[in-house]
């Protein structure tokens, strides 16, 4: 682990930075944009990855969706001899909270471990504004944000557990590390994993499963489109959701014919 010489702590050098990591293939991310969080969660469960849905964080605004490579930020409990929030931003600007923002690349999704704390405003107007300017796509916070009205105006998709007037290190937590494994809502997220988030919540896709998920989910989304159309036309639910062998053959013929409307 790398540590900064400008640490706010004399006991343990901070911030801690993890090892370099690879971001997801842009083509994989592009193809995953049509995959819902629900489909991703179900398909990953079928691949043997059961804990993928981040519990707690919900959309700050409905109707938002994001897919991107995960950056990670870890908060840890404060201990006064190591680090505390006295000094507000003048202390925080030398922490992992400021440092991770300097690494943001186009399309990144920042995933934050904050233990669901009700007293930690992990991000506010200025930090989200900077995140957006650097090309960040969205933020998933297992904790709260502040400056909610201004943050909403910025239009950055955010999933969090609520809002608070507190600044990030005002109470019980302190920005500790970035580019490290984090636990967000009971789910492990590694740097470079893929995040899919929408109105149903956020799902963490292991980097090594992303290509397999694309192949499986594209077929799933396509046949659900077909089934939805047939149900609207009056077909029986049990025949088309999920597909039976006969309706699967009908779907494949529809797909191979260029997905023309059925009459």
C-alpha atoms as a PDB file:
ATOM      1  CA  UNK A   1       0.000   0.000   0.000  1.00  0.00           C
ATOM      2  CA  UNK A   2       1.172   3.495  -0.791  1.00  0.00           C
ATOM      3  CA  UNK A   3       0.809   6.281   1.746  1.00  0.00           C
ATOM      4  CA  UNK A   4       1.049  10.022   1.393  1.00  0.00           C
ATOM      5  CA  UNK A   5       3.938  11.984   2.933  1.00  0.00           C
ATOM      6  CA  UNK A   6       1.486  14.812   3.640  1.00  0.00           C
ATOM      7  CA  UNK A   7      -0.462  12.679   6.083  1.00  0.00           C
ATOM      8  CA  UNK A   8      -2.891  14.250   8.574  1.00  0.00           C
ATOM      9  CA  UNK A   9      -1.815  11.577  11.065  1.00  0.00           C
ATOM     10  CA  UNK A  10       1.495  11.134  12.848  1.00  0.00           C
ATOM     11  CA  UNK A  11       0.517   7.646  14.039  1.00  0.00           C
ATOM     12  CA  UNK A  12      -0.413   6.031  10.710  1.00  0.00           C
ATOM     13  CA  UNK A  13       0.444   7.587   7.335  1.00  0.00           C
ATOM     14  CA  UNK A  14      -2.703   8.684   5.512  1.00  0.00           C
ATOM     15  CA  UNK A  15      -4.218   8.490   3.024  1.00  0.00           C
ATOM     16  CA  UNK A  16      -3.672   4.838   2.200  1.00  0.00           C
ATOM     17  CA  UNK A  17      -3.782   3.980  -1.502  1.00  0.00           C
ATOM     18  CA  UNK A  18      -4.207   0.506  -2.930  1.00  0.00           C
ATOM     19  CA  UNK A  19      -2.453  -1.042  -5.879  1.00  0.00           C
ATOM     20  CA  UNK A  20      -3.042  -0.020  -9.515  1.00  0.00           C
ATOM     21  CA  UNK A  21      -6.037  -1.675 -11.166  1.00  0.00           C
ATOM     22  CA  UNK A  22      -7.559  -2.058 -14.610  1.00  0.00           C
ATOM     23  CA  UNK A  23     -10.872  -0.493 -15.550  1.00  0.00           C
ATOM     24  CA  UNK A  24     -13.508  -2.476 -17.411  1.00  0.00           C
ATOM     25  CA  UNK A  25     -13.397  -2.795 -21.174  1.00  0.00           C
ATOM     26  CA  UNK A  26     -15.324   0.155 -22.705  1.00  0.00           C
ATOM     27  CA  UNK A  27     -17.219  -2.137 -25.072  1.00  0.00           C
ATOM     28  CA  UNK A  28     -18.396  -4.287 -22.157  1.00  0.00           C
ATOM     29  CA  UNK A  29     -19.599  -1.167 -20.346  1.00  0.00           C
ATOM     30  CA  UNK A  30     -21.398   0.055 -23.462  1.00  0.00           C
ATOM     31  CA  UNK A  31     -23.234  -3.246 -23.862  1.00  0.00           C
ATOM     32  CA  UNK A  32     -24.151  -3.356 -20.173  1.00  0.00           C
ATOM     33  CA  UNK A  33     -25.951  -0.009 -20.378  1.00  0.00           C
ATOM     34  CA  UNK A  34     -29.117  -1.782 -21.536  1.00  0.00           C
ATOM     35  CA  UNK A  35     -28.976  -4.274 -18.640  1.00  0.00           C
ATOM     36  CA  UNK A  36     -31.061  -3.478 -15.578  1.00  0.00           C
ATOM     37  CA  UNK A  37     -29.804  -3.908 -12.030  1.00  0.00           C
ATOM     38  CA  UNK A  38     -32.470  -6.574 -11.491  1.00  0.00           C
ATOM     39  CA  UNK A  39     -31.346  -8.593 -14.511  1.00  0.00           C
ATOM     40  CA  UNK A  40     -27.698  -8.267 -13.526  1.00  0.00           C
ATOM     41  CA  UNK A  41     -28.441  -9.414  -9.969  1.00  0.00           C
ATOM     42  CA  UNK A  42     -30.443 -12.432 -11.150  1.00  0.00           C
ATOM     43  CA  UNK A  43     -27.923 -13.485 -13.768  1.00  0.00           C
ATOM     44  CA  UNK A  44     -24.987 -13.180 -11.377  1.00  0.00           C
ATOM     45  CA  UNK A  45     -26.847 -15.342  -8.875  1.00  0.00           C
ATOM     46  CA  UNK A  46     -27.110 -17.969 -11.602  1.00  0.00           C
ATOM     47  CA  UNK A  47     -23.350 -17.719 -12.065  1.00  0.00           C
ATOM     48  CA  UNK A  48     -22.818 -18.467  -8.382  1.00  0.00           C
ATOM     49  CA  UNK A  49     -22.277 -14.882  -7.180  1.00  0.00           C
ATOM     50  CA  UNK A  50     -25.089 -14.352  -4.675  1.00  0.00           C
ATOM     51  CA  UNK A  51     -24.168 -11.139  -2.832  1.00  0.00           C
ATOM     52  CA  UNK A  52     -24.225  -8.378  -5.420  1.00  0.00           C
ATOM     53  CA  UNK A  53     -27.098  -6.046  -4.471  1.00  0.00           C
ATOM     54  CA  UNK A  54     -25.924  -3.135  -2.305  1.00  0.00           C
ATOM     55  CA  UNK A  55     -28.334  -2.910   0.643  1.00  0.00           C
ATOM     56  CA  UNK A  56     -29.277   0.525   1.977  1.00  0.00           C
ATOM     57  CA  UNK A  57     -28.323   3.122  -0.624  1.00  0.00           C
ATOM     58  CA  UNK A  58     -31.271   4.291  -2.730  1.00  0.00           C
ATOM     59  CA  UNK A  59     -31.444   6.771  -5.605  1.00  0.00           C
ATOM     60  CA  UNK A  60     -31.232  10.395  -4.525  1.00  0.00           C
ATOM     61  CA  UNK A  61     -33.420  11.049  -7.570  1.00  0.00           C
ATOM     62  CA  UNK A  62     -35.609   8.543  -9.378  1.00  0.00           C
ATOM     63  CA  UNK A  63     -35.187   7.862 -13.064  1.00  0.00           C
ATOM     64  CA  UNK A  64     -31.380   7.790 -12.981  1.00  0.00           C
ATOM     65  CA  UNK A  65     -29.216   4.905 -14.164  1.00  0.00           C
ATOM     66  CA  UNK A  66     -25.484   4.373 -14.494  1.00  0.00           C
ATOM     67  CA  UNK A  67     -22.965   1.734 -15.583  1.00  0.00           C
ATOM     68  CA  UNK A  68     -19.249   2.192 -14.998  1.00  0.00           C
ATOM     69  CA  UNK A  69     -15.976   0.978 -13.530  1.00  0.00           C
ATOM     70  CA  UNK A  70     -15.709   1.176  -9.753  1.00  0.00           C
ATOM     71  CA  UNK A  71     -13.401   3.538  -7.952  1.00  0.00           C
ATOM     72  CA  UNK A  72     -13.405   2.868  -4.228  1.00  0.00           C
ATOM     73  CA  UNK A  73     -13.196   5.039  -1.127  1.00  0.00           C
ATOM     74  CA  UNK A  74     -13.033   3.687   2.415  1.00  0.00           C
ATOM     75  CA  UNK A  75     -14.025   5.515   5.587  1.00  0.00           C
ATOM     76  CA  UNK A  76     -12.842   4.134   8.928  1.00  0.00           C
ATOM     77  CA  UNK A  77     -13.863   4.878  12.528  1.00  0.00           C
ATOM     78  CA  UNK A  78     -12.175   7.936  13.999  1.00  0.00           C
ATOM     79  CA  UNK A  79      -9.643   7.586  16.767  1.00  0.00           C
ATOM     80  CA  UNK A  80      -8.402  10.867  18.157  1.00  0.00           C
ATOM     81  CA  UNK A  81      -4.745   9.860  18.371  1.00  0.00           C
ATOM     82  CA  UNK A  82      -4.773   8.861  14.670  1.00  0.00           C
ATOM     83  CA  UNK A  83      -7.204  11.148  12.887  1.00  0.00           C
ATOM     84  CA  UNK A  84     -10.272  13.209  13.673  1.00  0.00           C
ATOM     85  CA  UNK A  85     -12.454  15.717  11.876  1.00  0.00           C
ATOM     86  CA  UNK A  86     -11.379  18.781  13.811  1.00  0.00           C
ATOM     87  CA  UNK A  87     -10.487  21.415  11.252  1.00  0.00           C
ATOM     88  CA  UNK A  88     -13.134  20.353   8.748  1.00  0.00           C
ATOM     89  CA  UNK A  89     -12.086  20.759   5.104  1.00  0.00           C
ATOM     90  CA  UNK A  90      -8.581  21.862   6.045  1.00  0.00           C
ATOM     91  CA  UNK A  91      -7.963  18.384   7.419  1.00  0.00           C
ATOM     92  CA  UNK A  92     -10.118  16.538   4.894  1.00  0.00           C
ATOM     93  CA  UNK A  93      -8.290  17.948   1.867  1.00  0.00           C
ATOM     94  CA  UNK A  94      -5.235  15.873   2.841  1.00  0.00           C
ATOM     95  CA  UNK A  95      -7.259  12.664   3.086  1.00  0.00           C
ATOM     96  CA  UNK A  96      -8.439   9.903   0.763  1.00  0.00           C
ATOM     97  CA  UNK A  97     -11.651  11.889   0.167  1.00  0.00           C
ATOM     98  CA  UNK A  98      -9.829  14.582  -1.765  1.00  0.00           C
ATOM     99  CA  UNK A  99      -7.191  12.233  -3.191  1.00  0.00           C
ATOM    100  CA  UNK A 100      -9.609   9.824  -4.868  1.00  0.00           C
ATOM    101  CA  UNK A 101     -11.260  12.673  -6.752  1.00  0.00           C
ATOM    102  CA  UNK A 102      -7.960  13.430  -8.485  1.00  0.00           C
ATOM    103  CA  UNK A 103      -7.974   9.914  -9.965  1.00  0.00           C
ATOM    104  CA  UNK A 104     -11.479  10.043 -11.478  1.00  0.00           C
ATOM    105  CA  UNK A 105     -11.655   9.180 -15.170  1.00  0.00           C
ATOM    106  CA  UNK A 106     -14.484   9.502 -17.676  1.00  0.00           C
ATOM    107  CA  UNK A 107     -17.325   7.138 -16.791  1.00  0.00           C
ATOM    108  CA  UNK A 108     -16.099   6.053 -13.349  1.00  0.00           C
ATOM    109  CA  UNK A 109     -18.540   5.190 -10.559  1.00  0.00           C
ATOM    110  CA  UNK A 110     -17.277   5.921  -7.049  1.00  0.00           C
ATOM    111  CA  UNK A 111     -18.267   3.308  -4.438  1.00  0.00           C
ATOM    112  CA  UNK A 112     -17.930   4.424  -0.821  1.00  0.00           C
ATOM    113  CA  UNK A 113     -17.752   2.381   2.378  1.00  0.00           C
ATOM    114  CA  UNK A 114     -19.262   4.446   5.188  1.00  0.00           C
ATOM    115  CA  UNK A 115     -21.094   1.798   7.263  1.00  0.00           C
ATOM    116  CA  UNK A 116     -24.485   3.372   6.591  1.00  0.00           C
ATOM    117  CA  UNK A 117     -23.575   6.155   9.042  1.00  0.00           C
ATOM    118  CA  UNK A 118     -26.311   8.707   9.692  1.00  0.00           C
ATOM    119  CA  UNK A 119     -23.734  11.278  10.779  1.00  0.00           C
ATOM    120  CA  UNK A 120     -21.305  11.324   7.856  1.00  0.00           C
ATOM    121  CA  UNK A 121     -21.996  13.613   4.898  1.00  0.00           C
ATOM    122  CA  UNK A 122     -19.532  11.886   2.589  1.00  0.00           C
ATOM    123  CA  UNK A 123     -20.031  14.311  -0.303  1.00  0.00           C
ATOM    124  CA  UNK A 124     -21.427  17.786  -0.744  1.00  0.00           C
ATOM    125  CA  UNK A 125     -21.836  20.359  -3.473  1.00  0.00           C
ATOM    126  CA  UNK A 126     -18.160  21.171  -4.107  1.00  0.00           C
ATOM    127  CA  UNK A 127     -16.896  17.598  -4.194  1.00  0.00           C
ATOM    128  CA  UNK A 128     -19.713  16.329  -6.408  1.00  0.00           C
ATOM    129  CA  UNK A 129     -19.201  19.330  -8.670  1.00  0.00           C
ATOM    130  CA  UNK A 130     -15.514  18.440  -9.054  1.00  0.00           C
ATOM    131  CA  UNK A 131     -16.338  14.759  -9.568  1.00  0.00           C
ATOM    132  CA  UNK A 132     -18.674  15.725 -12.401  1.00  0.00           C
ATOM    133  CA  UNK A 133     -16.118  18.020 -14.041  1.00  0.00           C
ATOM    134  CA  UNK A 134     -13.599  15.184 -14.131  1.00  0.00           C
ATOM    135  CA  UNK A 135     -16.096  12.984 -15.958  1.00  0.00           C
ATOM    136  CA  UNK A 136     -17.401  10.841 -13.119  1.00  0.00           C
ATOM    137  CA  UNK A 137     -20.610   9.011 -14.007  1.00  0.00           C
ATOM    138  CA  UNK A 138     -22.156   8.311 -10.604  1.00  0.00           C
ATOM    139  CA  UNK A 139     -21.631   7.709  -6.890  1.00  0.00           C
ATOM    140  CA  UNK A 140     -22.810   4.863  -4.637  1.00  0.00           C
ATOM    141  CA  UNK A 141     -22.447   5.793  -0.960  1.00  0.00           C
ATOM    142  CA  UNK A 142     -23.144   3.410   1.897  1.00  0.00           C
ATOM    143  CA  UNK A 143     -23.805   6.534   3.938  1.00  0.00           C
ATOM    144  CA  UNK A 144     -25.160  10.042   3.508  1.00  0.00           C
ATOM    145  CA  UNK A 145     -24.519  13.213   1.537  1.00  0.00           C
ATOM    146  CA  UNK A 146     -24.966  16.898   2.334  1.00  0.00           C
ATOM    147  CA  UNK A 147     -25.969  20.009   0.323  1.00  0.00           C
ATOM    148  CA  UNK A 148     -28.733  17.891  -1.182  1.00  0.00           C
ATOM    149  CA  UNK A 149     -30.507  20.679  -3.104  1.00  0.00           C
ATOM    150  CA  UNK A 150     -27.345  21.834  -4.876  1.00  0.00           C
ATOM    151  CA  UNK A 151     -26.207  18.265  -5.494  1.00  0.00           C
ATOM    152  CA  UNK A 152     -29.511  17.460  -7.190  1.00  0.00           C
ATOM    153  CA  UNK A 153     -29.032  20.444  -9.480  1.00  0.00           C
ATOM    154  CA  UNK A 154     -25.714  18.988 -10.673  1.00  0.00           C
ATOM    155  CA  UNK A 155     -27.497  15.955 -12.152  1.00  0.00           C
ATOM    156  CA  UNK A 156     -24.923  13.375 -11.025  1.00  0.00           C
ATOM    157  CA  UNK A 157     -26.690  10.049 -10.311  1.00  0.00           C
ATOM    158  CA  UNK A 158     -26.194   9.236  -6.627  1.00  0.00           C
ATOM    159  CA  UNK A 159     -27.290   6.296  -4.495  1.00  0.00           C
ATOM    160  CA  UNK A 160     -27.050   6.963  -0.756  1.00  0.00           C
ATOM    161  CA  UNK A 161     -28.777   6.181   2.544  1.00  0.00           C
ATOM    162  CA  UNK A 162     -30.052   9.727   3.001  1.00  0.00           C
ATOM    163  CA  UNK A 163     -28.918  13.266   3.710  1.00  0.00           C
ATOM    164  CA  UNK A 164     -27.365  15.053   6.673  1.00  0.00           C
ATOM    165  CA  UNK A 165     -26.022  18.534   7.496  1.00  0.00           C
ATOM    166  CA  UNK A 166     -22.774  16.990   8.807  1.00  0.00           C
ATOM    167  CA  UNK A 167     -19.501  17.237   6.920  1.00  0.00           C
ATOM    168  CA  UNK A 168     -17.637  14.018   6.164  1.00  0.00           C
ATOM    169  CA  UNK A 169     -15.459  13.726   9.271  1.00  0.00           C
ATOM    170  CA  UNK A 170     -17.611  15.683  11.719  1.00  0.00           C
ATOM    171  CA  UNK A 171     -18.656  12.735  13.859  1.00  0.00           C
ATOM    172  CA  UNK A 172     -17.657   9.078  13.787  1.00  0.00           C
ATOM    173  CA  UNK A 173     -15.776   8.340  10.545  1.00  0.00           C
ATOM    174  CA  UNK A 174     -12.694   9.563   8.716  1.00  0.00           C
ATOM    175  CA  UNK A 175     -11.669   9.220   5.027  1.00  0.00           C
ATOM    176  CA  UNK A 176      -8.961   6.586   5.215  1.00  0.00           C
ATOM    177  CA  UNK A 177      -8.095   4.811   1.954  1.00  0.00           C
ATOM    178  CA  UNK A 178      -8.853   4.617  -1.753  1.00  0.00           C
ATOM    179  CA  UNK A 179      -8.290   2.075  -4.543  1.00  0.00           C
ATOM    180  CA  UNK A 180      -8.796  -0.638  -1.922  1.00  0.00           C
ATOM    181  CA  UNK A 181     -11.501  -3.304  -1.431  1.00  0.00           C
ATOM    182  CA  UNK A 182     -14.576  -1.857   0.258  1.00  0.00           C
ATOM    183  CA  UNK A 183     -17.785  -3.197   1.774  1.00  0.00           C
ATOM    184  CA  UNK A 184     -20.835  -1.280   0.563  1.00  0.00           C
ATOM    185  CA  UNK A 185     -24.198  -2.336   1.909  1.00  0.00           C
ATOM    186  CA  UNK A 186     -22.935  -5.819   2.716  1.00  0.00           C
ATOM    187  CA  UNK A 187     -21.342  -6.321  -0.710  1.00  0.00           C
ATOM    188  CA  UNK A 188     -17.646  -6.575  -1.522  1.00  0.00           C
ATOM    189  CA  UNK A 189     -16.502  -4.162  -4.216  1.00  0.00           C
ATOM    190  CA  UNK A 190     -12.995  -4.312  -5.662  1.00  0.00           C
ATOM    191  CA  UNK A 191     -11.450  -1.491  -7.680  1.00  0.00           C
ATOM    192  CA  UNK A 192     -12.247  -2.137 -11.338  1.00  0.00           C
ATOM    193  CA  UNK A 193     -15.455  -4.058 -10.695  1.00  0.00           C
ATOM    194  CA  UNK A 194     -18.489  -2.900 -12.674  1.00  0.00           C
ATOM    195  CA  UNK A 195     -21.361  -0.999 -11.078  1.00  0.00           C
ATOM    196  CA  UNK A 196     -24.889  -1.183 -12.516  1.00  0.00           C
ATOM    197  CA  UNK A 197     -27.385   1.049 -10.716  1.00  0.00           C
ATOM    198  CA  UNK A 198     -30.928   2.198 -11.406  1.00  0.00           C
ATOM    199  CA  UNK A 199     -34.199   2.743  -9.536  1.00  0.00           C
ATOM    200  CA  UNK A 200     -33.961  -0.759  -8.036  1.00  0.00           C
ATOM    201  CA  UNK A 201     -30.593   0.001  -6.444  1.00  0.00           C
ATOM    202  CA  UNK A 202     -26.926  -0.711  -7.142  1.00  0.00           C
ATOM    203  CA  UNK A 203     -25.358  -4.038  -8.139  1.00  0.00           C
ATOM    204  CA  UNK A 204     -21.647  -4.851  -8.068  1.00  0.00           C
ATOM    205  CA  UNK A 205     -20.484  -7.022 -10.969  1.00  0.00           C
ATOM    206  CA  UNK A 206     -17.150  -8.794 -10.390  1.00  0.00           C
ATOM    207  CA  UNK A 207     -14.726  -7.695 -13.114  1.00  0.00           C
ATOM    208  CA  UNK A 208     -14.061 -11.284 -14.133  1.00  0.00           C
ATOM    209  CA  UNK A 209     -17.783 -11.959 -14.648  1.00  0.00           C
ATOM    210  CA  UNK A 210     -18.633  -8.863 -16.710  1.00  0.00           C
ATOM    211  CA  UNK A 211     -18.166 -10.405 -20.171  1.00  0.00           C
ATOM    212  CA  UNK A 212     -20.172 -13.511 -19.244  1.00  0.00           C
ATOM    213  CA  UNK A 213     -22.898 -11.298 -17.804  1.00  0.00           C
ATOM    214  CA  UNK A 214     -23.106  -9.335 -21.049  1.00  0.00           C
ATOM    215  CA  UNK A 215     -23.715 -12.463 -23.094  1.00  0.00           C
ATOM    216  CA  UNK A 216     -26.321 -13.837 -20.720  1.00  0.00           C
ATOM    217  CA  UNK A 217     -28.087 -10.558 -19.990  1.00  0.00           C
ATOM    218  CA  UNK A 218     -28.386  -9.458 -23.610  1.00  0.00           C
ATOM    219  CA  UNK A 219     -30.339 -12.610 -24.419  1.00  0.00           C
ATOM    220  CA  UNK A 220     -32.433 -12.173 -21.275  1.00  0.00           C
ATOM    221  CA  UNK A 221     -33.299  -8.538 -22.040  1.00  0.00           C
ATOM    222  CA  UNK A 222     -34.197  -9.463 -25.626  1.00  0.00           C
ATOM    223  CA  UNK A 223     -36.551 -12.313 -24.736  1.00  0.00           C
ATOM    224  CA  UNK A 224     -38.161 -10.203 -22.020  1.00  0.00           C
ATOM    225  CA  UNK A 225     -38.882  -7.569 -24.665  1.00  0.00           C
ATOM    226  CA  UNK A 226     -40.495 -10.291 -26.783  1.00  0.00           C
ATOM    227  CA  UNK A 227     -42.482 -11.671 -23.835  1.00  0.00           C
ATOM    228  CA  UNK A 228     -43.653  -8.200 -22.842  1.00  0.00           C
ATOM    229  CA  UNK A 229     -44.946  -7.652 -26.362  1.00  0.00           C
ATOM    230  CA  UNK A 230     -46.770 -10.993 -26.407  1.00  0.00           C
ATOM    231  CA  UNK A 231     -48.365 -10.363 -22.997  1.00  0.00           C
ATOM    232  CA  UNK A 232     -49.629  -6.990 -24.219  1.00  0.00           C
ATOM    233  CA  UNK A 233     -51.198  -8.871 -27.117  1.00  0.00           C
ATOM    234  CA  UNK A 234     -53.113 -11.114 -24.709  1.00  0.00           C
ATOM    235  CA  UNK A 235     -50.864 -14.182 -24.420  1.00  0.00           C
ATOM    236  CA  UNK A 236     -50.866 -16.311 -21.250  1.00  0.00           C
ATOM    237  CA  UNK A 237     -48.243 -15.452 -18.637  1.00  0.00           C
ATOM    238  CA  UNK A 238     -47.289 -19.094 -18.082  1.00  0.00           C
ATOM    239  CA  UNK A 239     -46.517 -19.503 -21.796  1.00  0.00           C
ATOM    240  CA  UNK A 240     -44.225 -16.495 -22.092  1.00  0.00           C
ATOM    241  CA  UNK A 241     -42.723 -15.729 -18.676  1.00  0.00           C
ATOM    242  CA  UNK A 242     -40.396 -17.432 -18.510  1.00  0.00           C
ATOM    243  CA  UNK A 243     -40.261 -18.798 -22.027  1.00  0.00           C
ATOM    244  CA  UNK A 244     -41.428 -22.348 -22.598  1.00  0.00           C
ATOM    245  CA  UNK A 245     -39.672 -24.494 -25.214  1.00  0.00           C
ATOM    246  CA  UNK A 246     -42.356 -23.535 -27.768  1.00  0.00           C
ATOM    247  CA  UNK A 247     -42.300 -19.820 -26.981  1.00  0.00           C
ATOM    248  CA  UNK A 248     -38.479 -19.905 -26.946  1.00  0.00           C
ATOM    249  CA  UNK A 249     -38.551 -21.189 -30.524  1.00  0.00           C
ATOM    250  CA  UNK A 250     -41.049 -18.451 -31.396  1.00  0.00           C
ATOM    251  CA  UNK A 251     -38.779 -15.842 -29.776  1.00  0.00           C
ATOM    252  CA  UNK A 252     -35.709 -17.057 -31.671  1.00  0.00           C
ATOM    253  CA  UNK A 253     -37.593 -16.875 -34.967  1.00  0.00           C
ATOM    254  CA  UNK A 254     -38.689 -13.315 -34.108  1.00  0.00           C
ATOM    255  CA  UNK A 255     -35.129 -12.375 -33.172  1.00  0.00           C
ATOM    256  CA  UNK A 256     -33.602 -13.900 -36.301  1.00  0.00           C
ATOM    257  CA  UNK A 257     -36.184 -12.158 -38.494  1.00  0.00           C
ATOM    258  CA  UNK A 258     -35.002  -8.768 -37.279  1.00  0.00           C
ATOM    259  CA  UNK A 259     -37.397  -8.336 -34.308  1.00  0.00           C
ATOM    260  CA  UNK A 260     -40.315  -7.301 -36.482  1.00  0.00           C
ATOM    261  CA  UNK A 261     -43.607  -6.495 -34.719  1.00  0.00           C
ATOM    262  CA  UNK A 262     -45.867  -9.512 -34.239  1.00  0.00           C
ATOM    263  CA  UNK A 263     -49.507  -9.226 -35.336  1.00  0.00           C
END
